[in-house]
Amino acid sequence: MQKIPQADLGNFLSKNPNEQKAFVENIGNAFQEIGFLALKGHFLDAELQKSLYKEIKAFFALPDSVKNRYEIQGGGGQRGYTSFGKEHAAGRKVGDLKEFWHFGQDLSLYPELHGVYPENVQVEELTAFNSIGNAVFKRLEKTAQVLLQAIALYLNLEPSFFDPYILGGNSILRAIHYPPIIEAPKDAERAAAHGDINLITLLMGAQGGGLQVLNRQNQWIEAVAEPDELIVNIGDMLSRLTNNRLPSTVHRVVNPPKEEWGNPRYSLPFFMHPIPQMPLNCLSQTIDKEHPKKYEDITAGEFLNQRLIALGLLKH
């Protein structure tokens, strides 16, 4: 398989049961076979995408002395700014060639979550930065919720199975800047090979090239989306929950050829996380003689903490 499978969320949202059933089978097979999907028909319109790109480009163009004021010491990079080269893939020591920003839940909508999640960091220099980030966050969260309803049906669960775990979940919208490469990197990549931590990831900005997926035949293939598509992939939390029936897929962002080193790259992944209390225990229907239980019981919050330490974002 050399191409990312495609699907249109509009087919699932239609009232046509045959279209809905075909959508569920299509995405389930795609996630089993390769773990990635190019999705049309989502809730994020082109104008809002354009506005967010404008804001994040303006933010990353600010002087380092300004950006560094928005880096929260001891926060595990969960909100605000994380400076260049600080994050590395699990098992690696070399930092990735990127800097990034994290938006989380807008706690003004969830007063009960004050003290549970960190507050979003407000950027003083850009008046629309936070409001546009919050708006994109909600549209992607809604898209992820509907997609998880389809995944639940594929797993023979109630369509609402994930809803109580993800509404008000610890999700993150990450704005990534891969700056121009000035000199030959020593063993560093824009993003070294890794699997995502969360349930599912929705990615805007996969038009620029560089994103590669390791397919089930252990071959790296290019993952390129149309401008109106999001690329969706399965994260490690959903792999654990499904006892690897829906495996997390390893992916990376490779460095461009030397003649393109001067070009920056931007991408915007939305990491759909559940509430920290969600049990990630393997679902009973995914365990049998041929598929023994692969993972020990753990909550989403405990698993996230373990992974942030492995990524170099939290200290032991």
C-alpha atoms as a PDB file:
ATOM      1  CA  MET A   1       0.000   0.000   0.000  1.00  0.00           C
ATOM      2  CA  GLN A   2       1.731   3.159  -1.206  1.00  0.00           C
ATOM      3  CA  LYS A   3      -1.074   5.662  -0.689  1.00  0.00           C
ATOM      4  CA  ILE A   4      -2.893   6.832   2.432  1.00  0.00           C
ATOM      5  CA  PRO A   5      -6.552   5.615   2.347  1.00  0.00           C
ATOM      6  CA  GLN A   6      -9.205   8.353   2.092  1.00  0.00           C
ATOM      7  CA  ALA A   7     -12.643   8.801   3.661  1.00  0.00           C
ATOM      8  CA  ASP A   8     -15.333  11.486   3.868  1.00  0.00           C
ATOM      9  CA  LEU A   9     -16.862  12.127   7.293  1.00  0.00           C
ATOM     10  CA  GLY A  10     -19.987  13.362   5.520  1.00  0.00           C
ATOM     11  CA  ASN A  11     -20.813   9.725   4.691  1.00  0.00           C
ATOM     12  CA  PHE A  12     -20.920   8.862   8.393  1.00  0.00           C
ATOM     13  CA  LEU A  13     -22.954  11.979   9.222  1.00  0.00           C
ATOM     14  CA  SER A  14     -25.482  11.171   6.483  1.00  0.00           C
ATOM     15  CA  LYS A  15     -28.785   9.507   7.337  1.00  0.00           C
ATOM     16  CA  ASN A  16     -28.016   6.696   4.889  1.00  0.00           C
ATOM     17  CA  PRO A  17     -27.269   3.502   6.885  1.00  0.00           C
ATOM     18  CA  ASN A  18     -25.410   1.917   3.941  1.00  0.00           C
ATOM     19  CA  GLU A  19     -23.095   4.939   3.655  1.00  0.00           C
ATOM     20  CA  GLN A  20     -22.542   4.922   7.423  1.00  0.00           C
ATOM     21  CA  LYS A  21     -21.732   1.212   7.456  1.00  0.00           C
ATOM     22  CA  ALA A  22     -19.338   1.549   4.500  1.00  0.00           C
ATOM     23  CA  PHE A  23     -17.569   4.455   6.255  1.00  0.00           C
ATOM     24  CA  VAL A  24     -17.104   2.432   9.458  1.00  0.00           C
ATOM     25  CA  GLU A  25     -15.667  -0.528   7.523  1.00  0.00           C
ATOM     26  CA  ASN A  26     -13.455   1.739   5.410  1.00  0.00           C
ATOM     27  CA  ILE A  27     -11.833   3.562   8.336  1.00  0.00           C
ATOM     28  CA  GLY A  28     -11.571   0.420  10.470  1.00  0.00           C
ATOM     29  CA  ASN A  29      -9.747  -1.422   7.697  1.00  0.00           C
ATOM     30  CA  ALA A  30      -7.499   1.589   7.046  1.00  0.00           C
ATOM     31  CA  PHE A  31      -6.539   1.850  10.706  1.00  0.00           C
ATOM     32  CA  GLN A  32      -5.885  -1.888  10.949  1.00  0.00           C
ATOM     33  CA  GLU A  33      -3.860  -2.090   7.746  1.00  0.00           C
ATOM     34  CA  ILE A  34      -1.783   1.084   7.990  1.00  0.00           C
ATOM     35  CA  GLY A  35      -3.011   3.189  10.928  1.00  0.00           C
ATOM     36  CA  PHE A  36      -3.399   6.393   8.879  1.00  0.00           C
ATOM     37  CA  LEU A  37      -6.290   7.991   6.966  1.00  0.00           C
ATOM     38  CA  ALA A  38      -6.870  11.173   4.909  1.00  0.00           C
ATOM     39  CA  LEU A  39     -10.229  12.640   6.013  1.00  0.00           C
ATOM     40  CA  LYS A  40     -12.514  15.031   4.141  1.00  0.00           C
ATOM     41  CA  GLY A  41     -15.821  16.427   5.383  1.00  0.00           C
ATOM     42  CA  HIS A  42     -14.520  17.469   8.820  1.00  0.00           C
ATOM     43  CA  PHE A  43     -15.690  20.486  10.848  1.00  0.00           C
ATOM     44  CA  LEU A  44     -12.670  22.740  10.263  1.00  0.00           C
ATOM     45  CA  ASP A  45     -13.252  25.262   7.467  1.00  0.00           C
ATOM     46  CA  ALA A  46     -10.493  26.651   5.237  1.00  0.00           C
ATOM     47  CA  GLU A  47     -10.852  30.234   6.520  1.00  0.00           C
ATOM     48  CA  LEU A  48     -10.243  29.227  10.124  1.00  0.00           C
ATOM     49  CA  GLN A  49      -7.212  27.138   9.098  1.00  0.00           C
ATOM     50  CA  LYS A  50      -5.820  30.131   7.210  1.00  0.00           C
ATOM     51  CA  SER A  51      -6.327  32.396  10.243  1.00  0.00           C
ATOM     52  CA  LEU A  52      -4.504  30.006  12.571  1.00  0.00           C
ATOM     53  CA  TYR A  53      -1.551  29.660  10.178  1.00  0.00           C
ATOM     54  CA  LYS A  54      -1.274  33.442  10.083  1.00  0.00           C
ATOM     55  CA  GLU A  55      -1.228  33.625  13.897  1.00  0.00           C
ATOM     56  CA  ILE A  56       1.295  30.842  14.475  1.00  0.00           C
ATOM     57  CA  LYS A  57       3.659  32.169  11.804  1.00  0.00           C
ATOM     58  CA  ALA A  58       3.519  35.566  13.535  1.00  0.00           C
ATOM     59  CA  PHE A  59       4.212  33.942  16.912  1.00  0.00           C
ATOM     60  CA  PHE A  60       7.208  31.898  15.767  1.00  0.00           C
ATOM     61  CA  ALA A  61       8.623  34.996  14.050  1.00  0.00           C
ATOM     62  CA  LEU A  62       8.821  36.771  17.445  1.00  0.00           C
ATOM     63  CA  PRO A  63      12.314  37.124  18.978  1.00  0.00           C
ATOM     64  CA  ASP A  64      13.472  34.177  21.108  1.00  0.00           C
ATOM     65  CA  SER A  65      13.592  36.487  24.121  1.00  0.00           C
ATOM     66  CA  VAL A  66       9.827  37.054  23.771  1.00  0.00           C
ATOM     67  CA  LYS A  67       8.909  33.420  23.019  1.00  0.00           C
ATOM     68  CA  ASN A  68      10.975  32.179  25.955  1.00  0.00           C
ATOM     69  CA  ARG A  69       8.762  34.169  28.334  1.00  0.00           C
ATOM     70  CA  TYR A  70       5.944  31.785  27.398  1.00  0.00           C
ATOM     71  CA  GLU A  71       7.868  28.607  28.304  1.00  0.00           C
ATOM     72  CA  ILE A  72       6.545  27.144  31.574  1.00  0.00           C
ATOM     73  CA  GLN A  73       9.330  25.633  33.658  1.00  0.00           C
ATOM     74  CA  GLY A  74       8.431  22.204  35.077  1.00  0.00           C
ATOM     75  CA  GLY A  75       5.195  22.078  33.051  1.00  0.00           C
ATOM     76  CA  GLY A  76       6.235  19.154  30.858  1.00  0.00           C
ATOM     77  CA  GLY A  77       5.568  21.300  27.795  1.00  0.00           C
ATOM     78  CA  GLN A  78       1.834  20.769  28.257  1.00  0.00           C
ATOM     79  CA  ARG A  79       0.850  24.410  27.675  1.00  0.00           C
ATOM     80  CA  GLY A  80       2.499  27.382  26.046  1.00  0.00           C
ATOM     81  CA  TYR A  81       5.852  27.375  24.296  1.00  0.00           C
ATOM     82  CA  THR A  82       8.537  24.658  24.079  1.00  0.00           C
ATOM     83  CA  SER A  83      11.835  25.889  22.663  1.00  0.00           C
ATOM     84  CA  PHE A  84      13.831  24.454  19.774  1.00  0.00           C
ATOM     85  CA  GLY A  85      15.408  21.003  20.212  1.00  0.00           C
ATOM     86  CA  LYS A  86      13.950  20.304  23.661  1.00  0.00           C
ATOM     87  CA  GLU A  87      11.739  17.309  22.749  1.00  0.00           C
ATOM     88  CA  HIS A  88      13.207  14.052  21.489  1.00  0.00           C
ATOM     89  CA  ALA A  89      11.659  10.756  20.440  1.00  0.00           C
ATOM     90  CA  ALA A  90      11.476   8.042  23.114  1.00  0.00           C
ATOM     91  CA  GLY A  91      14.781   6.165  23.283  1.00  0.00           C
ATOM     92  CA  ARG A  92      16.742   8.975  21.613  1.00  0.00           C
ATOM     93  CA  LYS A  93      18.971  11.634  23.135  1.00  0.00           C
ATOM     94  CA  VAL A  94      19.132  13.995  20.149  1.00  0.00           C
ATOM     95  CA  GLY A  95      16.455  16.699  20.163  1.00  0.00           C
ATOM     96  CA  ASP A  96      14.094  17.135  17.203  1.00  0.00           C
ATOM     97  CA  LEU A  97      14.617  20.142  14.911  1.00  0.00           C
ATOM     98  CA  LYS A  98      11.448  21.949  15.988  1.00  0.00           C
ATOM     99  CA  GLU A  99       9.837  24.379  18.427  1.00  0.00           C
ATOM    100  CA  PHE A 100       6.140  24.262  19.294  1.00  0.00           C
ATOM    101  CA  TRP A 101       3.164  25.756  21.113  1.00  0.00           C
ATOM    102  CA  HIS A 102       0.377  23.928  22.983  1.00  0.00           C
ATOM    103  CA  PHE A 103      -3.249  24.964  23.360  1.00  0.00           C
ATOM    104  CA  GLY A 104      -5.353  22.879  25.779  1.00  0.00           C
ATOM    105  CA  GLN A 105      -8.975  23.030  26.898  1.00  0.00           C
ATOM    106  CA  ASP A 106     -10.393  26.538  27.317  1.00  0.00           C
ATOM    107  CA  LEU A 107     -11.032  26.326  31.065  1.00  0.00           C
ATOM    108  CA  SER A 108     -13.544  29.190  30.922  1.00  0.00           C
ATOM    109  CA  LEU A 109     -15.866  26.575  29.343  1.00  0.00           C
ATOM    110  CA  TYR A 110     -15.055  23.978  32.034  1.00  0.00           C
ATOM    111  CA  PRO A 111     -14.777  25.758  35.409  1.00  0.00           C
ATOM    112  CA  GLU A 112     -14.716  22.360  37.152  1.00  0.00           C
ATOM    113  CA  LEU A 113     -11.389  21.588  35.448  1.00  0.00           C
ATOM    114  CA  HIS A 114      -9.507  24.481  37.067  1.00  0.00           C
ATOM    115  CA  GLY A 115      -6.660  22.851  38.956  1.00  0.00           C
ATOM    116  CA  VAL A 116      -7.054  19.591  37.005  1.00  0.00           C
ATOM    117  CA  TYR A 117      -5.455  20.861  33.776  1.00  0.00           C
ATOM    118  CA  PRO A 118      -3.032  23.773  33.406  1.00  0.00           C
ATOM    119  CA  GLU A 119      -4.423  27.095  32.172  1.00  0.00           C
ATOM    120  CA  ASN A 120      -3.778  28.095  28.569  1.00  0.00           C
ATOM    121  CA  VAL A 121      -0.992  30.648  28.225  1.00  0.00           C
ATOM    122  CA  GLN A 122      -2.146  34.023  26.840  1.00  0.00           C
ATOM    123  CA  VAL A 123       0.066  35.675  24.194  1.00  0.00           C
ATOM    124  CA  GLU A 124       0.088  39.425  24.773  1.00  0.00           C
ATOM    125  CA  GLU A 125       1.722  40.389  21.467  1.00  0.00           C
ATOM    126  CA  LEU A 126      -0.988  38.805  19.249  1.00  0.00           C
ATOM    127  CA  THR A 127      -4.549  39.750  20.179  1.00  0.00           C
ATOM    128  CA  ALA A 128      -6.329  37.037  18.120  1.00  0.00           C
ATOM    129  CA  PHE A 129      -3.831  34.209  18.766  1.00  0.00           C
ATOM    130  CA  ASN A 130      -5.635  32.524  21.666  1.00  0.00           C
ATOM    131  CA  SER A 131      -9.217  33.000  20.453  1.00  0.00           C
ATOM    132  CA  ILE A 132      -8.416  31.500  17.031  1.00  0.00           C
ATOM    133  CA  GLY A 133      -6.477  28.640  18.654  1.00  0.00           C
ATOM    134  CA  ASN A 134      -9.465  27.905  20.920  1.00  0.00           C
ATOM    135  CA  ALA A 135     -11.879  27.934  17.957  1.00  0.00           C
ATOM    136  CA  VAL A 136      -9.746  25.470  15.962  1.00  0.00           C
ATOM    137  CA  PHE A 137      -9.380  23.276  19.073  1.00  0.00           C
ATOM    138  CA  LYS A 138     -13.190  22.937  19.416  1.00  0.00           C
ATOM    139  CA  ARG A 139     -13.704  22.111  15.698  1.00  0.00           C
ATOM    140  CA  LEU A 140     -11.032  19.417  15.764  1.00  0.00           C
ATOM    141  CA  GLU A 141     -12.326  18.037  19.069  1.00  0.00           C
ATOM    142  CA  LYS A 142     -15.802  17.695  17.492  1.00  0.00           C
ATOM    143  CA  THR A 143     -14.321  15.962  14.428  1.00  0.00           C
ATOM    144  CA  ALA A 144     -12.377  13.556  16.662  1.00  0.00           C
ATOM    145  CA  GLN A 145     -15.485  12.817  18.741  1.00  0.00           C
ATOM    146  CA  VAL A 146     -17.505  11.800  15.658  1.00  0.00           C
ATOM    147  CA  LEU A 147     -14.614   9.746  14.298  1.00  0.00           C
ATOM    148  CA  LEU A 148     -14.326   7.889  17.616  1.00  0.00           C
ATOM    149  CA  GLN A 149     -18.053   7.109  17.422  1.00  0.00           C
ATOM    150  CA  ALA A 150     -17.368   5.374  14.103  1.00  0.00           C
ATOM    151  CA  ILE A 151     -14.342   3.578  15.581  1.00  0.00           C
ATOM    152  CA  ALA A 152     -16.512   2.428  18.511  1.00  0.00           C
ATOM    153  CA  LEU A 153     -18.976   0.852  16.044  1.00  0.00           C
ATOM    154  CA  TYR A 154     -16.089  -0.882  14.253  1.00  0.00           C
ATOM    155  CA  LEU A 155     -15.086  -2.372  17.619  1.00  0.00           C
ATOM    156  CA  ASN A 156     -18.694  -3.511  18.295  1.00  0.00           C
ATOM    157  CA  LEU A 157     -19.120  -0.942  21.072  1.00  0.00           C
ATOM    158  CA  GLU A 158     -21.923   1.554  21.595  1.00  0.00           C
ATOM    159  CA  PRO A 159     -21.239   4.634  19.398  1.00  0.00           C
ATOM    160  CA  SER A 160     -21.201   6.812  22.522  1.00  0.00           C
ATOM    161  CA  PHE A 161     -18.575   4.619  24.276  1.00  0.00           C
ATOM    162  CA  PHE A 162     -15.807   7.256  24.130  1.00  0.00           C
ATOM    163  CA  ASP A 163     -17.971  10.344  24.757  1.00  0.00           C
ATOM    164  CA  PRO A 164     -17.794  10.468  28.581  1.00  0.00           C
ATOM    165  CA  TYR A 165     -14.016  10.003  28.434  1.00  0.00           C
ATOM    166  CA  ILE A 166     -13.195  12.625  25.792  1.00  0.00           C
ATOM    167  CA  LEU A 167     -15.564  15.525  26.481  1.00  0.00           C
ATOM    168  CA  GLY A 168     -13.444  17.799  28.643  1.00  0.00           C
ATOM    169  CA  GLY A 169     -10.492  15.469  27.987  1.00  0.00           C
ATOM    170  CA  ASN A 170      -6.845  16.477  28.251  1.00  0.00           C
ATOM    171  CA  SER A 171      -6.503  17.079  24.500  1.00  0.00           C
ATOM    172  CA  ILE A 172      -3.830  19.312  22.981  1.00  0.00           C
ATOM    173  CA  LEU A 173      -3.602  21.358  19.793  1.00  0.00           C
ATOM    174  CA  ARG A 174       0.083  21.676  18.915  1.00  0.00           C
ATOM    175  CA  ALA A 175       1.447  24.309  16.524  1.00  0.00           C
ATOM    176  CA  ILE A 176       4.865  23.159  15.250  1.00  0.00           C
ATOM    177  CA  HIS A 177       7.542  25.221  13.522  1.00  0.00           C
ATOM    178  CA  TYR A 178      10.434  23.445  11.835  1.00  0.00           C
ATOM    179  CA  PRO A 179      12.833  26.347  11.127  1.00  0.00           C
ATOM    180  CA  PRO A 180      15.119  26.517   8.075  1.00  0.00           C
ATOM    181  CA  ILE A 181      18.117  24.192   8.455  1.00  0.00           C
ATOM    182  CA  ILE A 182      21.312  26.243   8.685  1.00  0.00           C
ATOM    183  CA  GLU A 183      23.948  23.504   8.840  1.00  0.00           C
ATOM    184  CA  ALA A 184      24.023  19.737   8.337  1.00  0.00           C
ATOM    185  CA  PRO A 185      22.190  18.161  11.312  1.00  0.00           C
ATOM    186  CA  LYS A 186      24.192  15.662  13.369  1.00  0.00           C
ATOM    187  CA  ASP A 187      21.838  12.639  13.618  1.00  0.00           C
ATOM    188  CA  ALA A 188      18.857  14.985  14.154  1.00  0.00           C
ATOM    189  CA  GLU A 189      15.591  14.915  12.184  1.00  0.00           C
ATOM    190  CA  ARG A 190      12.721  17.361  12.114  1.00  0.00           C
ATOM    191  CA  ALA A 191      10.783  14.688  14.021  1.00  0.00           C
ATOM    192  CA  ALA A 192      12.413  11.294  14.638  1.00  0.00           C
ATOM    193  CA  ALA A 193      10.383   8.103  14.245  1.00  0.00           C
ATOM    194  CA  HIS A 194       7.730   7.802  16.969  1.00  0.00           C
ATOM    195  CA  GLY A 195       4.194   6.742  17.817  1.00  0.00           C
ATOM    196  CA  ASP A 196       1.743   9.256  19.292  1.00  0.00           C
ATOM    197  CA  ILE A 197       0.725   8.936  22.937  1.00  0.00           C
ATOM    198  CA  ASN A 198      -3.005   9.686  22.667  1.00  0.00           C
ATOM    199  CA  LEU A 199      -6.173   8.018  21.311  1.00  0.00           C
ATOM    200  CA  ILE A 200      -6.196   9.546  17.819  1.00  0.00           C
ATOM    201  CA  THR A 201      -4.354  12.440  16.151  1.00  0.00           C
ATOM    202  CA  LEU A 202      -5.838  14.820  13.561  1.00  0.00           C
ATOM    203  CA  LEU A 203      -3.204  16.687  11.553  1.00  0.00           C
ATOM    204  CA  MET A 204      -3.524  19.850   9.488  1.00  0.00           C
ATOM    205  CA  GLY A 205      -0.568  20.857   7.370  1.00  0.00           C
ATOM    206  CA  ALA A 206       0.444  17.597   5.711  1.00  0.00           C
ATOM    207  CA  GLN A 207       0.567  19.261   2.278  1.00  0.00           C
ATOM    208  CA  GLY A 208       4.228  20.285   2.506  1.00  0.00           C
ATOM    209  CA  GLY A 209       5.798  16.825   2.306  1.00  0.00           C
ATOM    210  CA  GLY A 210       8.258  15.305   4.731  1.00  0.00           C
ATOM    211  CA  LEU A 211       5.752  13.250   6.762  1.00  0.00           C
ATOM    212  CA  GLN A 212       6.395   9.521   6.324  1.00  0.00           C
ATOM    213  CA  VAL A 213       4.523   6.504   7.677  1.00  0.00           C
ATOM    214  CA  LEU A 214       5.961   3.053   8.411  1.00  0.00           C
ATOM    215  CA  ASN A 215       3.489   0.625   6.856  1.00  0.00           C
ATOM    216  CA  ARG A 216       2.849  -2.923   8.050  1.00  0.00           C
ATOM    217  CA  GLN A 217       5.435  -4.223   5.537  1.00  0.00           C
ATOM    218  CA  ASN A 218       8.076  -2.077   7.297  1.00  0.00           C
ATOM    219  CA  GLN A 219       8.342   0.359   4.382  1.00  0.00           C
ATOM    220  CA  TRP A 220       8.374   4.150   4.772  1.00  0.00           C
ATOM    221  CA  ILE A 221       5.738   5.794   2.565  1.00  0.00           C
ATOM    222  CA  GLU A 222       4.908   9.476   2.032  1.00  0.00           C
ATOM    223  CA  ALA A 223       1.778  10.741   3.804  1.00  0.00           C
ATOM    224  CA  VAL A 224       0.502  13.702   1.814  1.00  0.00           C
ATOM    225  CA  ALA A 225      -2.999  15.161   2.143  1.00  0.00           C
ATOM    226  CA  GLU A 226      -5.105  17.487  -0.006  1.00  0.00           C
ATOM    227  CA  PRO A 227      -5.589  21.024   1.391  1.00  0.00           C
ATOM    228  CA  ASP A 228      -9.141  20.140   2.543  1.00  0.00           C
ATOM    229  CA  GLU A 229      -8.079  16.883   4.241  1.00  0.00           C
ATOM    230  CA  LEU A 230      -6.873  16.076   7.729  1.00  0.00           C
ATOM    231  CA  ILE A 231      -4.519  13.153   8.220  1.00  0.00           C
ATOM    232  CA  VAL A 232      -5.726  10.927  11.065  1.00  0.00           C
ATOM    233  CA  ASN A 233      -3.706   8.300  12.883  1.00  0.00           C
ATOM    234  CA  ILE A 234      -4.096   5.906  15.796  1.00  0.00           C
ATOM    235  CA  GLY A 235      -2.146   6.655  18.976  1.00  0.00           C
ATOM    236  CA  ASP A 236      -0.693   4.367  21.627  1.00  0.00           C
ATOM    237  CA  MET A 237      -3.630   4.763  24.038  1.00  0.00           C
ATOM    238  CA  LEU A 238      -6.078   3.316  21.488  1.00  0.00           C
ATOM    239  CA  SER A 239      -3.590   0.523  20.708  1.00  0.00           C
ATOM    240  CA  ARG A 240      -3.550  -0.441  24.376  1.00  0.00           C
ATOM    241  CA  LEU A 241      -7.334  -0.249  24.685  1.00  0.00           C
ATOM    242  CA  THR A 242      -7.828  -2.476  21.619  1.00  0.00           C
ATOM    243  CA  ASN A 243      -5.004  -4.910  22.523  1.00  0.00           C
ATOM    244  CA  ASN A 244      -3.256  -3.841  19.291  1.00  0.00           C
ATOM    245  CA  ARG A 245      -6.256  -4.584  17.085  1.00  0.00           C
ATOM    246  CA  LEU A 246      -5.875  -0.964  15.991  1.00  0.00           C
ATOM    247  CA  PRO A 247      -2.094  -0.563  16.193  1.00  0.00           C
ATOM    248  CA  SER A 248      -0.402   2.783  16.637  1.00  0.00           C
ATOM    249  CA  THR A 249       1.626   3.595  13.528  1.00  0.00           C
ATOM    250  CA  VAL A 250       5.216   4.802  13.652  1.00  0.00           C
ATOM    251  CA  HIS A 251       5.805   7.998  11.666  1.00  0.00           C
ATOM    252  CA  ARG A 252       8.448  10.697  11.254  1.00  0.00           C
ATOM    253  CA  VAL A 253       9.157  14.045   9.590  1.00  0.00           C
ATOM    254  CA  VAL A 254      12.320  13.711   7.525  1.00  0.00           C
ATOM    255  CA  ASN A 255      14.706  16.543   6.732  1.00  0.00           C
ATOM    256  CA  PRO A 256      14.205  18.057   3.277  1.00  0.00           C
ATOM    257  CA  PRO A 257      16.806  17.745   0.507  1.00  0.00           C
ATOM    258  CA  LYS A 258      19.652  20.246   0.871  1.00  0.00           C
ATOM    259  CA  GLU A 259      18.289  22.610  -1.789  1.00  0.00           C
ATOM    260  CA  GLU A 260      15.153  23.034   0.366  1.00  0.00           C
ATOM    261  CA  TRP A 261      16.893  23.555   3.722  1.00  0.00           C
ATOM    262  CA  GLY A 262      15.958  27.238   3.625  1.00  0.00           C
ATOM    263  CA  ASN A 263      12.220  26.483   3.693  1.00  0.00           C
ATOM    264  CA  PRO A 264      10.504  26.411   7.090  1.00  0.00           C
ATOM    265  CA  ARG A 265       7.701  23.905   7.703  1.00  0.00           C
ATOM    266  CA  TYR A 266       4.586  24.298   9.863  1.00  0.00           C
ATOM    267  CA  SER A 267       2.110  21.661  10.985  1.00  0.00           C
ATOM    268  CA  LEU A 268      -0.805  21.544  13.409  1.00  0.00           C
ATOM    269  CA  PRO A 269      -1.619  18.187  15.016  1.00  0.00           C
ATOM    270  CA  PHE A 270      -4.564  17.839  17.401  1.00  0.00           C
ATOM    271  CA  PHE A 271      -3.897  15.098  19.960  1.00  0.00           C
ATOM    272  CA  MET A 272      -7.202  13.695  21.255  1.00  0.00           C
ATOM    273  CA  HIS A 273      -6.598  12.705  24.877  1.00  0.00           C
ATOM    274  CA  PRO A 274      -9.234  11.344  27.250  1.00  0.00           C
ATOM    275  CA  ILE A 275      -9.718  12.430  30.840  1.00  0.00           C
ATOM    276  CA  PRO A 276      -6.810  11.196  33.041  1.00  0.00           C
ATOM    277  CA  GLN A 277      -9.073   8.697  34.861  1.00  0.00           C
ATOM    278  CA  MET A 278      -9.953   6.711  31.720  1.00  0.00           C
ATOM    279  CA  PRO A 279      -8.831   3.067  32.103  1.00  0.00           C
ATOM    280  CA  LEU A 280      -6.780   1.891  29.127  1.00  0.00           C
ATOM    281  CA  ASN A 281      -7.306  -1.763  30.081  1.00  0.00           C
ATOM    282  CA  CYS A 282      -7.528  -4.022  27.020  1.00  0.00           C
ATOM    283  CA  LEU A 283     -11.179  -4.475  25.993  1.00  0.00           C
ATOM    284  CA  SER A 284     -12.341  -8.012  26.758  1.00  0.00           C
ATOM    285  CA  GLN A 285     -13.616  -8.559  23.197  1.00  0.00           C
ATOM    286  CA  THR A 286     -10.100  -7.985  21.835  1.00  0.00           C
ATOM    287  CA  ILE A 287      -8.545 -10.787  23.927  1.00  0.00           C
ATOM    288  CA  ASP A 288      -8.675 -14.468  22.945  1.00  0.00           C
ATOM    289  CA  LYS A 289      -6.334 -17.463  22.516  1.00  0.00           C
ATOM    290  CA  GLU A 290      -4.844 -16.066  19.307  1.00  0.00           C
ATOM    291  CA  HIS A 291      -4.613 -12.557  20.797  1.00  0.00           C
ATOM    292  CA  PRO A 292      -3.506 -12.789  24.427  1.00  0.00           C
ATOM    293  CA  LYS A 293      -3.527  -9.625  26.513  1.00  0.00           C
ATOM    294  CA  LYS A 294      -0.457  -7.536  25.532  1.00  0.00           C
ATOM    295  CA  TYR A 295      -0.598  -4.644  28.028  1.00  0.00           C
ATOM    296  CA  GLU A 296      -0.934  -4.217  31.771  1.00  0.00           C
ATOM    297  CA  ASP A 297      -3.827  -2.160  33.158  1.00  0.00           C
ATOM    298  CA  ILE A 298      -3.121   1.570  33.424  1.00  0.00           C
ATOM    299  CA  THR A 299      -5.026   4.855  33.381  1.00  0.00           C
ATOM    300  CA  ALA A 300      -4.606   7.479  30.665  1.00  0.00           C
ATOM    301  CA  GLY A 301      -3.100   9.930  33.172  1.00  0.00           C
ATOM    302  CA  GLU A 302      -0.489   7.435  34.385  1.00  0.00           C
ATOM    303  CA  PHE A 303       0.421   6.473  30.827  1.00  0.00           C
ATOM    304  CA  LEU A 304       0.791  10.121  29.750  1.00  0.00           C
ATOM    305  CA  ASN A 305       3.097  10.825  32.673  1.00  0.00           C
ATOM    306  CA  GLN A 306       5.325   7.849  31.775  1.00  0.00           C
ATOM    307  CA  ARG A 307       5.594   9.011  28.172  1.00  0.00           C
ATOM    308  CA  LEU A 308       6.385  12.648  28.995  1.00  0.00           C
ATOM    309  CA  ILE A 309       9.335  11.421  31.052  1.00  0.00           C
ATOM    310  CA  ALA A 310      10.475   9.210  28.119  1.00  0.00           C
ATOM    311  CA  LEU A 311      10.279  12.224  25.763  1.00  0.00           C
ATOM    312  CA  GLY A 312      12.497  14.344  28.001  1.00  0.00           C
ATOM    313  CA  LEU A 313       9.702  16.814  28.809  1.00  0.00           C
ATOM    314  CA  LEU A 314       9.262  15.791  32.462  1.00  0.00           C
ATOM    315  CA  LYS A 315      11.864  14.828  35.044  1.00  0.00           C
ATOM    316  CA  HIS A 316      11.492  11.594  37.054  1.00  0.00           C
END
